Amino acid sequence: MTVSLSANSEQHVNSILDSEENTSKE
């Protein structure tokens, strides 16, 4: 029903992963 654009940056994904307690590869 829709089309959208998404993007992600290394900075954002790294900031999320740095704040996560779960560091599993999954």
PDB file of all heavy atoms in Angstrom:
ATOM      1  N   MET A   1       0.809  -1.218   0.000  1.00  0.00           N
ATOM      2  CA  MET A   1       0.000   0.000   0.000  1.00  0.00           C
ATOM      3  C   MET A   1       0.846   1.273   0.000  1.00  0.00           C
ATOM      4  O   MET A   1       0.323   2.345  -0.296  1.00  0.00           O
ATOM      5  CB  MET A   1      -0.900   0.022   1.234  1.00  0.00           C
ATOM      6  CG  MET A   1      -1.794  -1.181   1.358  1.00  0.00           C
ATOM      7  SD  MET A   1      -3.285  -1.006   0.450  1.00  0.00           S
ATOM      8  CE  MET A   1      -4.334  -0.276   1.653  1.00  0.00           C
ATOM      9  N   THR A   2       2.102   1.161   0.351  1.00  0.00           N
ATOM     10  CA  THR A   2       2.947   2.344   0.493  1.00  0.00           C
ATOM     11  C   THR A   2       4.344   2.067  -0.050  1.00  0.00           C
ATOM     12  O   THR A   2       4.734   0.918  -0.241  1.00  0.00           O
ATOM     13  CB  THR A   2       3.100   2.753   1.971  1.00  0.00           C
ATOM     14  OG1 THR A   2       3.730   1.678   2.684  1.00  0.00           O
ATOM     15  CG2 THR A   2       1.770   3.084   2.600  1.00  0.00           C
ATOM     16  N   VAL A   3       5.081   3.136  -0.220  1.00  0.00           N
ATOM     17  CA  VAL A   3       6.513   3.046  -0.467  1.00  0.00           C
ATOM     18  C   VAL A   3       7.166   4.117   0.389  1.00  0.00           C
ATOM     19  O   VAL A   3       6.638   5.223   0.540  1.00  0.00           O
ATOM     20  CB  VAL A   3       6.873   3.194  -1.967  1.00  0.00           C
ATOM     21  CG1 VAL A   3       6.495   4.545  -2.505  1.00  0.00           C
ATOM     22  CG2 VAL A   3       8.344   2.922  -2.187  1.00  0.00           C
ATOM     23  N   SER A   4       8.299   3.747   0.984  1.00  0.00           N
ATOM     24  CA  SER A   4       9.027   4.662   1.860  1.00  0.00           C
ATOM     25  C   SER A   4      10.524   4.438   1.686  1.00  0.00           C
ATOM     26  O   SER A   4      10.956   3.374   1.249  1.00  0.00           O
ATOM     27  CB  SER A   4       8.669   4.402   3.330  1.00  0.00           C
ATOM     28  OG  SER A   4       7.305   4.591   3.553  1.00  0.00           O
ATOM     29  N   LEU A   5      11.277   5.438   2.102  1.00  0.00           N
ATOM     30  CA  LEU A   5      12.735   5.358   2.082  1.00  0.00           C
ATOM     31  C   LEU A   5      13.245   5.266   3.509  1.00  0.00           C
ATOM     32  O   LEU A   5      12.768   5.991   4.393  1.00  0.00           O
ATOM     33  CB  LEU A   5      13.334   6.605   1.416  1.00  0.00           C
ATOM     34  CG  LEU A   5      14.862   6.700   1.438  1.00  0.00           C
ATOM     35  CD1 LEU A   5      15.484   5.664   0.493  1.00  0.00           C
ATOM     36  CD2 LEU A   5      15.319   8.103   1.069  1.00  0.00           C
ATOM     37  N   SER A   6      14.194   4.379   3.707  1.00  0.00           N
ATOM     38  CA  SER A   6      14.890   4.306   4.989  1.00  0.00           C
ATOM     39  C   SER A   6      16.388   4.325   4.726  1.00  0.00           C
ATOM     40  O   SER A   6      16.852   3.885   3.675  1.00  0.00           O
ATOM     41  CB  SER A   6      14.533   3.026   5.747  1.00  0.00           C
ATOM     42  OG  SER A   6      13.259   3.127   6.305  1.00  0.00           O
ATOM     43  N   ALA A   7      17.109   4.837   5.707  1.00  0.00           N
ATOM     44  CA  ALA A   7      18.569   4.882   5.622  1.00  0.00           C
ATOM     45  C   ALA A   7      19.130   4.754   7.025  1.00  0.00           C
ATOM     46  O   ALA A   7      18.460   5.082   8.011  1.00  0.00           O
ATOM     47  CB  ALA A   7      19.023   6.202   4.994  1.00  0.00           C
ATOM     48  N   ASN A   8      20.356   4.284   7.095  1.00  0.00           N
ATOM     49  CA  ASN A   8      21.004   4.209   8.401  1.00  0.00           C
ATOM     50  C   ASN A   8      22.476   4.552   8.255  1.00  0.00           C
ATOM     51  O   ASN A   8      23.072   4.362   7.201  1.00  0.00           O
ATOM     52  CB  ASN A   8      20.852   2.831   9.040  1.00  0.00           C
ATOM     53  CG  ASN A   8      20.828   2.902  10.553  1.00  0.00           C
ATOM     54  OD1 ASN A   8      20.682   3.974  11.137  1.00  0.00           O
ATOM     55  ND2 ASN A   8      20.967   1.764  11.195  1.00  0.00           N
ATOM     56  N   SER A   9      23.016   5.068   9.335  1.00  0.00           N
ATOM     57  CA  SER A   9      24.416   5.480   9.343  1.00  0.00           C
ATOM     58  C   SER A   9      25.195   4.655  10.356  1.00  0.00           C
ATOM     59  O   SER A   9      24.631   4.122  11.315  1.00  0.00           O
ATOM     60  CB  SER A   9      24.529   6.967   9.685  1.00  0.00           C
ATOM     61  OG  SER A   9      24.133   7.199  11.018  1.00  0.00           O
ATOM     62  N   GLU A  10      26.476   4.570  10.109  1.00  0.00           N
ATOM     63  CA  GLU A  10      27.368   3.876  11.047  1.00  0.00           C
ATOM     64  C   GLU A  10      27.278   4.512  12.433  1.00  0.00           C
ATOM     65  O   GLU A  10      27.254   3.809  13.442  1.00  0.00           O
ATOM     66  CB  GLU A  10      28.817   3.920  10.542  1.00  0.00           C
ATOM     67  CG  GLU A  10      29.070   3.142   9.284  1.00  0.00           C
ATOM     68  CD  GLU A  10      29.032   1.633   9.464  1.00  0.00           C
ATOM     69  OE1 GLU A  10      29.062   1.137  10.611  1.00  0.00           O
ATOM     70  OE2 GLU A  10      28.951   0.939   8.433  1.00  0.00           O
ATOM     71  N   GLN A  11      27.201   5.825  12.480  1.00  0.00           N
ATOM     72  CA  GLN A  11      27.141   6.520  13.763  1.00  0.00           C
ATOM     73  C   GLN A  11      25.915   6.090  14.559  1.00  0.00           C
ATOM     74  O   GLN A  11      26.009   5.833  15.762  1.00  0.00           O
ATOM     75  CB  GLN A  11      27.119   8.044  13.564  1.00  0.00           C
ATOM     76  CG  GLN A  11      28.397   8.623  13.019  1.00  0.00           C
ATOM     77  CD  GLN A  11      28.510   8.553  11.491  1.00  0.00           C
ATOM     78  OE1 GLN A  11      27.801   7.825  10.808  1.00  0.00           O
ATOM     79  NE2 GLN A  11      29.469   9.295  10.959  1.00  0.00           N
ATOM     80  N   HIS A  12      24.770   6.004  13.893  1.00  0.00           N
ATOM     81  CA  HIS A  12      23.547   5.645  14.601  1.00  0.00           C
ATOM     82  C   HIS A  12      23.581   4.197  15.075  1.00  0.00           C
ATOM     83  O   HIS A  12      23.275   3.910  16.227  1.00  0.00           O
ATOM     84  CB  HIS A  12      22.314   5.877  13.741  1.00  0.00           C
ATOM     85  CG  HIS A  12      21.060   5.427  14.424  1.00  0.00           C
ATOM     86  ND1 HIS A  12      20.516   6.102  15.497  1.00  0.00           N
ATOM     87  CD2 HIS A  12      20.278   4.343  14.232  1.00  0.00           C
ATOM     88  CE1 HIS A  12      19.444   5.460  15.915  1.00  0.00           C
ATOM     89  NE2 HIS A  12      19.278   4.390  15.156  1.00  0.00           N
ATOM     90  N   VAL A  13      23.919   3.286  14.196  1.00  0.00           N
ATOM     91  CA  VAL A  13      23.923   1.874  14.595  1.00  0.00           C
ATOM     92  C   VAL A  13      24.945   1.639  15.703  1.00  0.00           C
ATOM     93  O   VAL A  13      24.684   0.896  16.649  1.00  0.00           O
ATOM     94  CB  VAL A  13      24.121   0.920  13.399  1.00  0.00           C
ATOM     95  CG1 VAL A  13      25.545   0.875  12.912  1.00  0.00           C
ATOM     96  CG2 VAL A  13      23.632  -0.480  13.746  1.00  0.00           C
ATOM     97  N   ASN A  14      26.084   2.309  15.644  1.00  0.00           N
ATOM     98  CA  ASN A  14      27.080   2.145  16.702  1.00  0.00           C
ATOM     99  C   ASN A  14      26.602   2.709  18.032  1.00  0.00           C
ATOM    100  O   ASN A  14      26.862   2.121  19.092  1.00  0.00           O
ATOM    101  CB  ASN A  14      28.414   2.787  16.298  1.00  0.00           C
ATOM    102  CG  ASN A  14      29.103   2.007  15.199  1.00  0.00           C
ATOM    103  OD1 ASN A  14      28.855   0.811  15.021  1.00  0.00           O
ATOM    104  ND2 ASN A  14      29.954   2.669  14.449  1.00  0.00           N
ATOM    105  N   SER A  15      25.884   3.814  18.002  1.00  0.00           N
ATOM    106  CA  SER A  15      25.371   4.379  19.258  1.00  0.00           C
ATOM    107  C   SER A  15      24.329   3.454  19.891  1.00  0.00           C
ATOM    108  O   SER A  15      24.287   3.305  21.113  1.00  0.00           O
ATOM    109  CB  SER A  15      24.802   5.785  19.060  1.00  0.00           C
ATOM    110  OG  SER A  15      23.591   5.745  18.351  1.00  0.00           O
ATOM    111  N   ILE A  16      23.503   2.826  19.079  1.00  0.00           N
ATOM    112  CA  ILE A  16      22.530   1.864  19.611  1.00  0.00           C
ATOM    113  C   ILE A  16      23.257   0.657  20.196  1.00  0.00           C
ATOM    114  O   ILE A  16      22.965   0.216  21.314  1.00  0.00           O
ATOM    115  CB  ILE A  16      21.530   1.413  18.523  1.00  0.00           C
ATOM    116  CG1 ILE A  16      20.549   2.532  18.235  1.00  0.00           C
ATOM    117  CG2 ILE A  16      20.781   0.155  18.951  1.00  0.00           C
ATOM    118  CD1 ILE A  16      19.541   2.198  17.177  1.00  0.00           C
ATOM    119  N   LEU A  17      24.196   0.116  19.441  1.00  0.00           N
ATOM    120  CA  LEU A  17      24.895  -1.078  19.899  1.00  0.00           C
ATOM    121  C   LEU A  17      25.725  -0.801  21.143  1.00  0.00           C
ATOM    122  O   LEU A  17      25.836  -1.662  22.023  1.00  0.00           O
ATOM    123  CB  LEU A  17      25.765  -1.646  18.778  1.00  0.00           C
ATOM    124  CG  LEU A  17      24.985  -2.172  17.574  1.00  0.00           C
ATOM    125  CD1 LEU A  17      25.935  -2.618  16.471  1.00  0.00           C
ATOM    126  CD2 LEU A  17      24.029  -3.292  17.969  1.00  0.00           C
ATOM    127  N   ASP A  18      26.278   0.398  21.256  1.00  0.00           N
ATOM    128  CA  ASP A  18      27.046   0.760  22.450  1.00  0.00           C
ATOM    129  C   ASP A  18      26.168   0.823  23.694  1.00  0.00           C
ATOM    130  O   ASP A  18      26.637   0.600  24.806  1.00  0.00           O
ATOM    131  CB  ASP A  18      27.753   2.108  22.252  1.00  0.00           C
ATOM    132  CG  ASP A  18      28.920   2.020  21.276  1.00  0.00           C
ATOM    133  OD1 ASP A  18      29.350   0.886  20.942  1.00  0.00           O
ATOM    134  OD2 ASP A  18      29.377   3.082  20.830  1.00  0.00           O
ATOM    135  N   SER A  19      24.884   1.136  23.515  1.00  0.00           N
ATOM    136  CA  SER A  19      23.986   1.253  24.661  1.00  0.00           C
ATOM    137  C   SER A  19      23.273  -0.061  24.994  1.00  0.00           C
ATOM    138  O   SER A  19      22.592  -0.150  26.010  1.00  0.00           O
ATOM    139  CB  SER A  19      22.945   2.349  24.412  1.00  0.00           C
ATOM    140  OG  SER A  19      22.079   1.959  23.374  1.00  0.00           O
ATOM    141  N   GLU A  20      23.427  -1.065  24.160  1.00  0.00           N
ATOM    142  CA  GLU A  20      22.757  -2.348  24.361  1.00  0.00           C
ATOM    143  C   GLU A  20      23.543  -3.238  25.311  1.00  0.00           C
ATOM    144  O   GLU A  20      24.762  -3.336  25.222  1.00  0.00           O
ATOM    145  CB  GLU A  20      22.612  -3.085  23.019  1.00  0.00           C
ATOM    146  CG  GLU A  20      21.477  -2.622  22.167  1.00  0.00           C
ATOM    147  CD  GLU A  20      20.129  -3.015  22.727  1.00  0.00           C
ATOM    148  OE1 GLU A  20      19.890  -4.181  23.039  1.00  0.00           O
ATOM    149  OE2 GLU A  20      19.299  -2.092  22.850  1.00  0.00           O
ATOM    150  N   GLU A  21      22.839  -3.885  26.211  1.00  0.00           N
ATOM    151  CA  GLU A  21      23.485  -4.872  27.077  1.00  0.00           C
ATOM    152  C   GLU A  21      23.695  -6.179  26.328  1.00  0.00           C
ATOM    153  O   GLU A  21      24.666  -6.877  26.569  1.00  0.00           O
ATOM    154  CB  GLU A  21      22.638  -5.109  28.327  1.00  0.00           C
ATOM    155  CG  GLU A  21      22.664  -3.923  29.274  1.00  0.00           C
ATOM    156  CD  GLU A  21      21.895  -4.195  30.548  1.00  0.00           C
ATOM    157  OE1 GLU A  21      21.783  -5.361  30.963  1.00  0.00           O
ATOM    158  OE2 GLU A  21      21.411  -3.208  31.133  1.00  0.00           O
ATOM    159  N   ASN A  22      22.774  -6.494  25.444  1.00  0.00           N
ATOM    160  CA  ASN A  22      22.877  -7.710  24.652  1.00  0.00           C
ATOM    161  C   ASN A  22      23.835  -7.448  23.491  1.00  0.00           C
ATOM    162  O   ASN A  22      23.508  -6.712  22.562  1.00  0.00           O
ATOM    163  CB  ASN A  22      21.502  -8.112  24.128  1.00  0.00           C
ATOM    164  CG  ASN A  22      21.537  -9.372  23.288  1.00  0.00           C
ATOM    165  OD1 ASN A  22      22.587  -9.865  22.912  1.00  0.00           O
ATOM    166  ND2 ASN A  22      20.355  -9.887  22.966  1.00  0.00           N
ATOM    167  N   THR A  23      25.011  -8.027  23.546  1.00  0.00           N
ATOM    168  CA  THR A  23      26.024  -7.801  22.516  1.00  0.00           C
ATOM    169  C   THR A  23      26.139  -8.973  21.542  1.00  0.00           C
ATOM    170  O   THR A  23      27.137  -9.082  20.842  1.00  0.00           O
ATOM    171  CB  THR A  23      27.396  -7.520  23.166  1.00  0.00           C
ATOM    172  OG1 THR A  23      27.749  -8.656  23.965  1.00  0.00           O
ATOM    173  CG2 THR A  23      27.360  -6.253  24.003  1.00  0.00           C
ATOM    174  N   SER A  24      25.135  -9.823  21.507  1.00  0.00           N
ATOM    175  CA  SER A  24      25.186 -10.983  20.612  1.00  0.00           C
ATOM    176  C   SER A  24      25.217 -10.529  19.153  1.00  0.00           C
ATOM    177  O   SER A  24      24.750  -9.445  18.809  1.00  0.00           O
ATOM    178  CB  SER A  24      23.966 -11.877  20.844  1.00  0.00           C
ATOM    179  OG  SER A  24      22.789 -11.224  20.405  1.00  0.00           O
ATOM    180  N   LYS A  25      25.764 -11.393  18.321  1.00  0.00           N
ATOM    181  CA  LYS A  25      25.809 -11.093  16.890  1.00  0.00           C
ATOM    182  C   LYS A  25      24.396 -10.930  16.332  1.00  0.00           C
ATOM    183  O   LYS A  25      24.150 -10.059  15.512  1.00  0.00           O
ATOM    184  CB  LYS A  25      26.554 -12.183  16.129  1.00  0.00           C
ATOM    185  CG  LYS A  25      26.586 -11.896  14.625  1.00  0.00           C
ATOM    186  CD  LYS A  25      27.536 -12.743  13.883  1.00  0.00           C
ATOM    187  CE  LYS A  25      27.583 -12.538  12.403  1.00  0.00           C
ATOM    188  NZ  LYS A  25      26.760 -11.578  11.759  1.00  0.00           N
ATOM    189  N   GLU A  26      23.453 -11.739  16.801  1.00  0.00           N
ATOM    190  CA  GLU A  26      22.071 -11.643  16.336  1.00  0.00           C
ATOM    191  C   GLU A  26      21.487 -10.260  16.634  1.00  0.00           C
ATOM    192  O   GLU A  26      20.797  -9.671  15.809  1.00  0.00           O
ATOM    193  CB  GLU A  26      21.193 -12.725  16.979  1.00  0.00           C
ATOM    194  CG  GLU A  26      21.522 -14.131  16.541  1.00  0.00           C
ATOM    195  CD  GLU A  26      22.699 -14.746  17.285  1.00  0.00           C
ATOM    196  OE1 GLU A  26      23.097 -14.237  18.373  1.00  0.00           O
ATOM    197  OE2 GLU A  26      23.255 -15.727  16.772  1.00  0.00           O
TER     198      GLU A  26
END
